């Protein structure tokens, strides 16, 4: 499973909460496949930087994606996922 590609697919969903729920499911699936939280977080941080930088150019959709990733990283950090 290419984790980064799967997260990008989830982020491209327009409906909430489907996008966020799918991202949580991906984290759980990755963990079940013995992918460490460290690797999951690194992938999410990489995507966050990508979308944050795009968002700086007034790209609202990229800003929204960066916000979703930040929320998921917070949830992982505080063991809510």
PDB file of N, CA and C in Angstrom:
ATOM      1  N   UNK A   1       0.850  -1.180   0.000  1.00  0.00           N
ATOM      2  CA  UNK A   1       0.000   0.000   0.000  1.00  0.00           C
ATOM      3  C   UNK A   1       0.892   1.238   0.000  1.00  0.00           C
ATOM      4  N   UNK A   2       0.659   2.104  -0.932  1.00  0.00           N
ATOM      5  CA  UNK A   2       1.378   3.365  -0.954  1.00  0.00           C
ATOM      6  C   UNK A   2       0.577   4.373  -0.138  1.00  0.00           C
ATOM      7  N   UNK A   3       1.002   4.535   1.082  1.00  0.00           N
ATOM      8  CA  UNK A   3       0.255   5.316   2.065  1.00  0.00           C
ATOM      9  C   UNK A   3      -0.005   6.748   1.603  1.00  0.00           C
ATOM     10  N   UNK A   4       1.000   7.380   1.046  1.00  0.00           N
ATOM     11  CA  UNK A   4       0.848   8.770   0.620  1.00  0.00           C
ATOM     12  C   UNK A   4      -0.244   8.906  -0.441  1.00  0.00           C
ATOM     13  N   UNK A   5      -0.253   8.001  -1.412  1.00  0.00           N
ATOM     14  CA  UNK A   5      -1.269   8.049  -2.462  1.00  0.00           C
ATOM     15  C   UNK A   5      -2.674   7.835  -1.894  1.00  0.00           C
ATOM     16  N   UNK A   6      -2.787   6.928  -0.938  1.00  0.00           N
ATOM     17  CA  UNK A   6      -4.094   6.660  -0.338  1.00  0.00           C
ATOM     18  C   UNK A   6      -4.593   7.862   0.455  1.00  0.00           C
ATOM     19  N   UNK A   7      -3.705   8.544   1.171  1.00  0.00           N
ATOM     20  CA  UNK A   7      -4.104   9.752   1.895  1.00  0.00           C
ATOM     21  C   UNK A   7      -4.530  10.839   0.912  1.00  0.00           C
ATOM     22  N   UNK A   8      -3.818  10.963  -0.200  1.00  0.00           N
ATOM     23  CA  UNK A   8      -4.186  11.984  -1.186  1.00  0.00           C
ATOM     24  C   UNK A   8      -5.561  11.698  -1.789  1.00  0.00           C
ATOM     25  N   UNK A   9      -5.874  10.431  -2.018  1.00  0.00           N
ATOM     26  CA  UNK A   9      -7.208  10.078  -2.519  1.00  0.00           C
ATOM     27  C   UNK A   9      -8.271  10.467  -1.498  1.00  0.00           C
ATOM     28  N   UNK A  10      -8.009  10.175  -0.237  1.00  0.00           N
ATOM     29  CA  UNK A  10      -8.967  10.520   0.821  1.00  0.00           C
ATOM     30  C   UNK A  10      -9.158  12.029   0.914  1.00  0.00           C
ATOM     31  N   UNK A  11      -8.078  12.767   0.764  1.00  0.00           N
ATOM     32  CA  UNK A  11      -8.162  14.223   0.841  1.00  0.00           C
ATOM     33  C   UNK A  11      -8.939  14.818  -0.327  1.00  0.00           C
ATOM     34  N   UNK A  12      -8.974  14.117  -1.437  1.00  0.00           N
ATOM     35  CA  UNK A  12      -9.663  14.651  -2.615  1.00  0.00           C
ATOM     36  C   UNK A  12     -11.178  14.505  -2.533  1.00  0.00           C
ATOM     37  N   UNK A  13     -11.673  13.721  -1.555  1.00  0.00           N
ATOM     38  CA  UNK A  13     -13.122  13.601  -1.373  1.00  0.00           C
ATOM     39  C   UNK A  13     -13.675  14.934  -0.902  1.00  0.00           C
ATOM     40  N   UNK A  14     -14.785  15.327  -1.461  1.00  0.00           N
ATOM     41  CA  UNK A  14     -15.377  16.626  -1.121  1.00  0.00           C
ATOM     42  C   UNK A  14     -16.291  16.552   0.091  1.00  0.00           C
ATOM     43  N   UNK A  15     -16.931  15.398   0.303  1.00  0.00           N
ATOM     44  CA  UNK A  15     -17.914  15.302   1.372  1.00  0.00           C
ATOM     45  C   UNK A  15     -17.237  15.110   2.715  1.00  0.00           C
ATOM     46  N   UNK A  16     -17.686  15.878   3.675  1.00  0.00           N
ATOM     47  CA  UNK A  16     -17.295  15.645   5.063  1.00  0.00           C
ATOM     48  C   UNK A  16     -18.437  14.920   5.726  1.00  0.00           C
ATOM     49  N   UNK A  17     -18.263  14.009   6.580  1.00  0.00           N
ATOM     50  CA  UNK A  17     -16.997  13.615   7.189  1.00  0.00           C
ATOM     51  C   UNK A  17     -16.289  12.479   6.463  1.00  0.00           C
ATOM     52  N   UNK A  18     -16.765  12.108   5.266  1.00  0.00           N
ATOM     53  CA  UNK A  18     -16.187  10.953   4.572  1.00  0.00           C
ATOM     54  C   UNK A  18     -14.684  11.043   4.407  1.00  0.00           C
ATOM     55  N   UNK A  19     -14.183  12.195   4.045  1.00  0.00           N
ATOM     56  CA  UNK A  19     -12.749  12.364   3.848  1.00  0.00           C
ATOM     57  C   UNK A  19     -11.978  12.109   5.132  1.00  0.00           C
ATOM     58  N   UNK A  20     -12.409  12.731   6.216  1.00  0.00           N
ATOM     59  CA  UNK A  20     -11.714  12.569   7.502  1.00  0.00           C
ATOM     60  C   UNK A  20     -11.826  11.146   8.025  1.00  0.00           C
ATOM     61  N   UNK A  21     -13.007  10.551   7.880  1.00  0.00           N
ATOM     62  CA  UNK A  21     -13.191   9.173   8.347  1.00  0.00           C
ATOM     63  C   UNK A  21     -12.330   8.200   7.554  1.00  0.00           C
ATOM     64  N   UNK A  22     -12.219   8.426   6.253  1.00  0.00           N
ATOM     65  CA  UNK A  22     -11.371   7.564   5.431  1.00  0.00           C
ATOM     66  C   UNK A  22      -9.906   7.704   5.834  1.00  0.00           C
ATOM     67  N   UNK A  23      -9.487   8.916   6.162  1.00  0.00           N
ATOM     68  CA  UNK A  23      -8.103   9.108   6.599  1.00  0.00           C
ATOM     69  C   UNK A  23      -7.842   8.385   7.914  1.00  0.00           C
ATOM     70  N   UNK A  24      -8.797   8.405   8.832  1.00  0.00           N
ATOM     71  CA  UNK A  24      -8.656   7.677  10.094  1.00  0.00           C
ATOM     72  C   UNK A  24      -8.585   6.179   9.816  1.00  0.00           C
ATOM     73  N   UNK A  25      -9.445   5.706   8.924  1.00  0.00           N
ATOM     74  CA  UNK A  25      -9.416   4.293   8.544  1.00  0.00           C
ATOM     75  C   UNK A  25      -8.068   3.909   7.947  1.00  0.00           C
ATOM     76  N   UNK A  26      -7.478   4.795   7.167  1.00  0.00           N
ATOM     77  CA  UNK A  26      -6.166   4.520   6.575  1.00  0.00           C
ATOM     78  C   UNK A  26      -5.081   4.402   7.645  1.00  0.00           C
ATOM     79  N   UNK A  27      -5.170   5.233   8.672  1.00  0.00           N
ATOM     80  CA  UNK A  27      -4.213   5.140   9.773  1.00  0.00           C
ATOM     81  C   UNK A  27      -4.348   3.784  10.461  1.00  0.00           C
ATOM     82  N   UNK A  28      -5.583   3.387  10.734  1.00  0.00           N
ATOM     83  CA  UNK A  28      -5.812   2.104  11.387  1.00  0.00           C
ATOM     84  C   UNK A  28      -5.358   0.939  10.515  1.00  0.00           C
ATOM     85  N   UNK A  29      -5.615   1.024   9.219  1.00  0.00           N
ATOM     86  CA  UNK A  29      -5.176  -0.022   8.295  1.00  0.00           C
ATOM     87  C   UNK A  29      -3.651  -0.090   8.241  1.00  0.00           C
ATOM     88  N   UNK A  30      -3.008   1.062   8.189  1.00  0.00           N
ATOM     89  CA  UNK A  30      -1.542   1.089   8.157  1.00  0.00           C
ATOM     90  C   UNK A  30      -0.968   0.451   9.415  1.00  0.00           C
ATOM     91  N   UNK A  31      -1.566   0.778  10.553  1.00  0.00           N
ATOM     92  CA  UNK A  31      -1.107   0.169  11.807  1.00  0.00           C
ATOM     93  C   UNK A  31      -1.286  -1.345  11.775  1.00  0.00           C
ATOM     94  N   UNK A  32      -2.384  -1.812  11.203  1.00  0.00           N
ATOM     95  CA  UNK A  32      -2.630  -3.260  11.142  1.00  0.00           C
ATOM     96  C   UNK A  32      -1.636  -3.949  10.213  1.00  0.00           C
ATOM     97  N   UNK A  33      -1.044  -3.192   9.310  1.00  0.00           N
ATOM     98  CA  UNK A  33      -0.030  -3.730   8.407  1.00  0.00           C
ATOM     99  C   UNK A  33       1.385  -3.459   8.935  1.00  0.00           C
ATOM    100  N   UNK A  34       1.458  -3.180  10.234  1.00  0.00           N
ATOM    101  CA  UNK A  34       2.727  -2.971  10.940  1.00  0.00           C
ATOM    102  C   UNK A  34       3.524  -1.773  10.428  1.00  0.00           C
ATOM    103  N   UNK A  35       2.823  -0.756   9.976  1.00  0.00           N
ATOM    104  CA  UNK A  35       3.481   0.502   9.634  1.00  0.00           C
ATOM    105  C   UNK A  35       3.477   1.339  10.912  1.00  0.00           C
ATOM    106  N   UNK A  36       4.626   1.788  11.309  1.00  0.00           N
ATOM    107  CA  UNK A  36       4.759   2.489  12.588  1.00  0.00           C
ATOM    108  C   UNK A  36       4.100   3.860  12.544  1.00  0.00           C
ATOM    109  N   UNK A  37       3.727   4.340  13.725  1.00  0.00           N
ATOM    110  CA  UNK A  37       3.183   5.694  13.828  1.00  0.00           C
ATOM    111  C   UNK A  37       4.198   6.717  13.336  1.00  0.00           C
ATOM    112  N   UNK A  38       5.458   6.438  13.563  1.00  0.00           N
ATOM    113  CA  UNK A  38       6.511   7.351  13.109  1.00  0.00           C
ATOM    114  C   UNK A  38       6.462   7.501  11.582  1.00  0.00           C
ATOM    115  N   UNK A  39       6.302   6.388  10.887  1.00  0.00           N
ATOM    116  CA  UNK A  39       6.238   6.425   9.422  1.00  0.00           C
ATOM    117  C   UNK A  39       4.937   7.081   8.944  1.00  0.00           C
ATOM    118  N   UNK A  40       3.842   6.795   9.625  1.00  0.00           N
ATOM    119  CA  UNK A  40       2.554   7.409   9.272  1.00  0.00           C
ATOM    120  C   UNK A  40       2.646   8.923   9.447  1.00  0.00           C
ATOM    121  N   UNK A  41       3.190   9.357  10.572  1.00  0.00           N
ATOM    122  CA  UNK A  41       3.328  10.794  10.834  1.00  0.00           C
ATOM    123  C   UNK A  41       4.253  11.459   9.816  1.00  0.00           C
ATOM    124  N   UNK A  42       5.330  10.789   9.456  1.00  0.00           N
ATOM    125  CA  UNK A  42       6.261  11.356   8.468  1.00  0.00           C
ATOM    126  C   UNK A  42       5.553  11.559   7.133  1.00  0.00           C
ATOM    127  N   UNK A  43       4.744  10.588   6.737  1.00  0.00           N
ATOM    128  CA  UNK A  43       3.993  10.708   5.486  1.00  0.00           C
ATOM    129  C   UNK A  43       3.009  11.866   5.565  1.00  0.00           C
ATOM    130  N   UNK A  44       2.301  11.959   6.676  1.00  0.00           N
ATOM    131  CA  UNK A  44       1.329  13.040   6.835  1.00  0.00           C
ATOM    132  C   UNK A  44       2.011  14.404   6.896  1.00  0.00           C
ATOM    133  N   UNK A  45       3.157  14.480   7.569  1.00  0.00           N
ATOM    134  CA  UNK A  45       3.884  15.765   7.631  1.00  0.00           C
ATOM    135  C   UNK A  45       4.349  16.191   6.248  1.00  0.00           C
ATOM    136  N   UNK A  46       4.801  15.231   5.450  1.00  0.00           N
ATOM    137  CA  UNK A  46       5.229  15.527   4.079  1.00  0.00           C
ATOM    138  C   UNK A  46       4.055  16.117   3.283  1.00  0.00           C
ATOM    139  N   UNK A  47       2.893  15.477   3.390  1.00  0.00           N
ATOM    140  CA  UNK A  47       1.712  15.982   2.692  1.00  0.00           C
ATOM    141  C   UNK A  47       1.269  17.334   3.238  1.00  0.00           C
ATOM    142  N   UNK A  48       1.379  17.517   4.559  1.00  0.00           N
ATOM    143  CA  UNK A  48       1.010  18.798   5.152  1.00  0.00           C
ATOM    144  C   UNK A  48       1.845  19.924   4.552  1.00  0.00           C
ATOM    145  N   UNK A  49       3.150  19.731   4.480  1.00  0.00           N
ATOM    146  CA  UNK A  49       4.038  20.764   3.926  1.00  0.00           C
ATOM    147  C   UNK A  49       3.666  21.060   2.477  1.00  0.00           C
ATOM    148  N   UNK A  50       3.417  20.015   1.712  1.00  0.00           N
ATOM    149  CA  UNK A  50       3.042  20.176   0.300  1.00  0.00           C
ATOM    150  C   UNK A  50       1.795  21.047   0.174  1.00  0.00           C
ATOM    151  N   UNK A  51       0.735  20.697   0.910  1.00  0.00           N
ATOM    152  CA  UNK A  51      -0.520  21.435   0.783  1.00  0.00           C
ATOM    153  C   UNK A  51      -0.459  22.802   1.459  1.00  0.00           C
ATOM    154  N   UNK A  52       0.319  22.932   2.515  1.00  0.00           N
ATOM    155  CA  UNK A  52       0.484  24.228   3.173  1.00  0.00           C
ATOM    156  C   UNK A  52       1.148  25.213   2.224  1.00  0.00           C
ATOM    157  N   UNK A  53       2.193  24.759   1.541  1.00  0.00           N
ATOM    158  CA  UNK A  53       2.887  25.635   0.594  1.00  0.00           C
ATOM    159  C   UNK A  53       1.986  26.024  -0.571  1.00  0.00           C
ATOM    160  N   UNK A  54       1.184  25.077  -1.057  1.00  0.00           N
ATOM    161  CA  UNK A  54       0.229  25.405  -2.109  1.00  0.00           C
ATOM    162  C   UNK A  54      -0.808  26.404  -1.594  1.00  0.00           C
ATOM    163  N   UNK A  55      -1.208  26.240  -0.351  1.00  0.00           N
ATOM    164  CA  UNK A  55      -2.207  27.120   0.250  1.00  0.00           C
ATOM    165  C   UNK A  55      -1.722  28.548   0.418  1.00  0.00           C
ATOM    166  N   UNK A  56      -0.412  28.712   0.538  1.00  0.00           N
ATOM    167  CA  UNK A  56       0.143  30.064   0.662  1.00  0.00           C
ATOM    168  C   UNK A  56      -0.087  30.884  -0.601  1.00  0.00           C
ATOM    169  N   UNK A  57      -0.367  30.214  -1.710  1.00  0.00           N
ATOM    170  CA  UNK A  57      -0.637  30.900  -2.977  1.00  0.00           C
ATOM    171  C   UNK A  57      -2.137  31.097  -3.181  1.00  0.00           C
ATOM    172  N   UNK A  58      -2.838  31.279  -2.065  1.00  0.00           N
ATOM    173  CA  UNK A  58      -4.281  31.521  -2.071  1.00  0.00           C
ATOM    174  C   UNK A  58      -5.082  30.377  -2.673  1.00  0.00           C
ATOM    175  N   UNK A  59      -4.605  29.167  -2.504  1.00  0.00           N
ATOM    176  CA  UNK A  59      -5.332  27.989  -2.956  1.00  0.00           C
ATOM    177  C   UNK A  59      -6.129  27.456  -1.763  1.00  0.00           C
ATOM    178  N   UNK A  60      -7.403  27.797  -1.739  1.00  0.00           N
ATOM    179  CA  UNK A  60      -8.266  27.452  -0.601  1.00  0.00           C
ATOM    180  C   UNK A  60      -8.386  25.945  -0.410  1.00  0.00           C
ATOM    181  N   UNK A  61      -8.480  25.199  -1.494  1.00  0.00           N
ATOM    182  CA  UNK A  61      -8.609  23.747  -1.393  1.00  0.00           C
ATOM    183  C   UNK A  61      -7.378  23.126  -0.732  1.00  0.00           C
ATOM    184  N   UNK A  62      -6.196  23.613  -1.079  1.00  0.00           N
ATOM    185  CA  UNK A  62      -4.970  23.099  -0.463  1.00  0.00           C
ATOM    186  C   UNK A  62      -4.900  23.460   1.013  1.00  0.00           C
ATOM    187  N   UNK A  63      -5.379  24.649   1.360  1.00  0.00           N
ATOM    188  CA  UNK A  63      -5.424  25.043   2.780  1.00  0.00           C
ATOM    189  C   UNK A  63      -6.321  24.108   3.575  1.00  0.00           C
ATOM    190  N   UNK A  64      -7.468  23.767   2.982  1.00  0.00           N
ATOM    191  CA  UNK A  64      -8.392  22.845   3.650  1.00  0.00           C
ATOM    192  C   UNK A  64      -7.749  21.476   3.853  1.00  0.00           C
ATOM    193  N   UNK A  65      -7.013  21.013   2.854  1.00  0.00           N
ATOM    194  CA  UNK A  65      -6.333  19.717   2.960  1.00  0.00           C
ATOM    195  C   UNK A  65      -5.264  19.765   4.057  1.00  0.00           C
ATOM    196  N   UNK A  66      -4.518  20.853   4.111  1.00  0.00           N
ATOM    197  CA  UNK A  66      -3.496  20.992   5.155  1.00  0.00           C
ATOM    198  C   UNK A  66      -4.145  21.002   6.539  1.00  0.00           C
ATOM    199  N   UNK A  67      -5.299  21.652   6.663  1.00  0.00           N
ATOM    200  CA  UNK A  67      -6.017  21.680   7.949  1.00  0.00           C
ATOM    201  C   UNK A  67      -6.465  20.279   8.359  1.00  0.00           C
ATOM    202  N   UNK A  68      -6.982  19.503   7.407  1.00  0.00           N
ATOM    203  CA  UNK A  68      -7.412  18.130   7.708  1.00  0.00           C
ATOM    204  C   UNK A  68      -6.235  17.282   8.187  1.00  0.00           C
ATOM    205  N   UNK A  69      -5.098  17.454   7.525  1.00  0.00           N
ATOM    206  CA  UNK A  69      -3.907  16.692   7.904  1.00  0.00           C
ATOM    207  C   UNK A  69      -3.446  17.092   9.301  1.00  0.00           C
ATOM    208  N   UNK A  70      -3.455  18.388   9.579  1.00  0.00           N
ATOM    209  CA  UNK A  70      -3.052  18.864  10.912  1.00  0.00           C
ATOM    210  C   UNK A  70      -3.967  18.295  11.983  1.00  0.00           C
ATOM    211  N   UNK A  71      -5.262  18.256  11.712  1.00  0.00           N
ATOM    212  CA  UNK A  71      -6.209  17.682  12.671  1.00  0.00           C
ATOM    213  C   UNK A  71      -5.922  16.202  12.910  1.00  0.00           C
ATOM    214  N   UNK A  72      -5.618  15.483  11.847  1.00  0.00           N
ATOM    215  CA  UNK A  72      -5.319  14.056  11.984  1.00  0.00           C
ATOM    216  C   UNK A  72      -4.017  13.840  12.746  1.00  0.00           C
ATOM    217  N   UNK A  73      -3.004  14.649  12.467  1.00  0.00           N
ATOM    218  CA  UNK A  73      -1.747  14.543  13.215  1.00  0.00           C
ATOM    219  C   UNK A  73      -1.968  14.799  14.704  1.00  0.00           C
ATOM    220  N   UNK A  74      -2.801  15.785  15.019  1.00  0.00           N
ATOM    221  CA  UNK A  74      -3.133  16.054  16.426  1.00  0.00           C
ATOM    222  C   UNK A  74      -3.823  14.849  17.054  1.00  0.00           C
ATOM    223  N   UNK A  75      -4.749  14.261  16.324  1.00  0.00           N
ATOM    224  CA  UNK A  75      -5.481  13.101  16.852  1.00  0.00           C
ATOM    225  C   UNK A  75      -4.540  11.934  17.109  1.00  0.00           C
ATOM    226  N   UNK A  76      -3.598  11.713  16.214  1.00  0.00           N
ATOM    227  CA  UNK A  76      -2.627  10.638  16.407  1.00  0.00           C
ATOM    228  C   UNK A  76      -1.745  10.940  17.612  1.00  0.00           C
ATOM    229  N   UNK A  77      -1.291  12.178  17.715  1.00  0.00           N
ATOM    230  CA  UNK A  77      -0.403  12.591  18.798  1.00  0.00           C
ATOM    231  C   UNK A  77      -1.039  12.399  20.174  1.00  0.00           C
ATOM    232  N   UNK A  78      -2.332  12.666  20.266  1.00  0.00           N
ATOM    233  CA  UNK A  78      -3.011  12.581  21.552  1.00  0.00           C
ATOM    234  C   UNK A  78      -3.808  11.290  21.706  1.00  0.00           C
ATOM    235  N   UNK A  79      -3.415  10.267  20.923  1.00  0.00           N
ATOM    236  CA  UNK A  79      -4.000   8.926  21.009  1.00  0.00           C
ATOM    237  C   UNK A  79      -5.516   8.897  20.865  1.00  0.00           C
ATOM    238  N   UNK A  80      -6.021   9.739  19.992  1.00  0.00           N
ATOM    239  CA  UNK A  80      -7.463   9.715  19.734  1.00  0.00           C
ATOM    240  C   UNK A  80      -7.783   8.863  18.506  1.00  0.00           C
ATOM    241  N   UNK A  81      -6.755   8.346  17.877  1.00  0.00           N
ATOM    242  CA  UNK A  81      -6.928   7.453  16.725  1.00  0.00           C
ATOM    243  C   UNK A  81      -6.258   6.153  17.069  1.00  0.00           C
TER     244      UNK A  81
END
